[in-house]
Amino acid sequence: MNRDYYIFSNGRLKRKDNTIYFIDSGNNKRALPVEQVDKIHFFGEVDFNSNLLSYLPRFGVMLNVYNYYGYYSGTYYPRKKNVSGFLVVNQAVYYNDYNKRIALARSFVESSIYHILRNLRRHKEVTEEIIDKIEKEKANITKANKIAELMGVEGRVRKWYYRGFNCILREEFILKGRNRRPPRDPVNALISFGNSLMYTAVLGEMYKTQLDPTISFLHEPSTKRFSLSLDIAEIFKPLIIDAVIFKLINNRVIKEEDFDIEEEICFLNEEGKKKFIEEYETKMATTIKHRKLKRKTSYKMFIRLECYKLIKHFIGDEVYKPLKAWW
C-alpha cells in the first residue's frame, strides 16, 4: 500500500527524469519513490513547477498544503482516472430528491453519534450524565425533516461531547468550548489539526473511487470545497482523530511545550505535529478483522469501503448502511 509523506522543511519539490526529489533549504536532496506515494503533505514553504504537476497525475499523487499554523489550506487534486458519468448522474439524483438526501444525511449523523457514544462509554464511570443527554438528543435524528434541523442535532451532540472531553482528558488539558477559527487552546488545536488530516484522508480515498467529491448530502455542496469529504469524515473523526487525541494526552506523549501561541492562535509546533502524525499513521494502519470480508482491514481502508458502499447505494445495488464499529 502506498504511503503518505509529510514535509516540514522549506525547500523545493522537483521532477528530474522519472523521479521526484525534495531539496531542502540546506540543499540536501531526498528522492521520493513516486510509485509508492499516496499523498504529500506540506507544512513548510515548498516550491514546485508545472513540470512536476503534469507528472504527478500519472500516479494519482495528491498534494495537501497547510498554512503556517498547520491547518489545512488546499489540495492539488490531480485529474481523476476513475470516472463514471452514470454514477455522477445517480449521485446527483440522490441530492436532488430531498427525501433521499436527508436519509443519507441522517446516516452520517447516526454513525457519527454512534462513535461518539462509543468513546464516551469507554469512560462511562465519569461520562454517564453526558451519555444520557446525547442518547436523548439522538432520538431527534429521525424527527429532523430538514438538513438544518439535522445539523442542529449534530451540533448539540458535539457540544455535550466536548464537555465530556474534560472528564476524559488529563486535567491540565481543559476544553472550554469548541473554537475553530482560530483555535484558542491546545485541545482545540489538536481537534482542528486532526480534522484537517481526516478531511484529506477521506478525499484521498474517495479519489481512488468513482464518487464525485463535490456532491454532498449533510454539508451543503458549494464551490471551493469537496463537501462529500466533510460528510464521510463525520463518521471517522470520533473513531480515529478523537481516539488519537485521548491517547496522546492521557499517555503524556503530547505536552504543553508541544504548542505555540501567536496572536491568540494556538497551534502545534513542529515537534507536536510530528508526534500527532506518528500516532495518527499508526492508527490508520491498525487492522481489524472485517466480519463480512473475513480479512484484516486497516482504518484507512475502512474509509474507502465507506465510499464503495455509497456507490452501491447510488446505483441501486445495496442500501447504504454507515459504519458502526463493532470491535
Foldseek 3Di string as FASTA:
>chain_A
DADEAEAQAEFEWEDDDLWIWTQGPVRDIDTDPLLRHLEYEYQYHYDYDVVVVVNNLVNQYKYWYADPQLFTDDIDGHDFPAADPLLAVLLVVCQVPLVSLLVLLLLLLLLLLLLLLVVCVVVCVQCVVLNVVLVVLNVCSVVDSDLVVNVVSSVVNVQSSLCCVCVQFDVVAHDPGADVVPDQGDVNQLLRNLLRVQLVLLVSLLSNHHDQQQRHRNDDRDPPDSCNSVSLSSNCCSVQSVVLVSCCRRVVVDDPVQWDADPSGIHGDPVRVVSSVVSSVVQQQDWDQDPVVRHTDGVSVLSNVLSVLVSCCSVVNDPRRDDNDPD
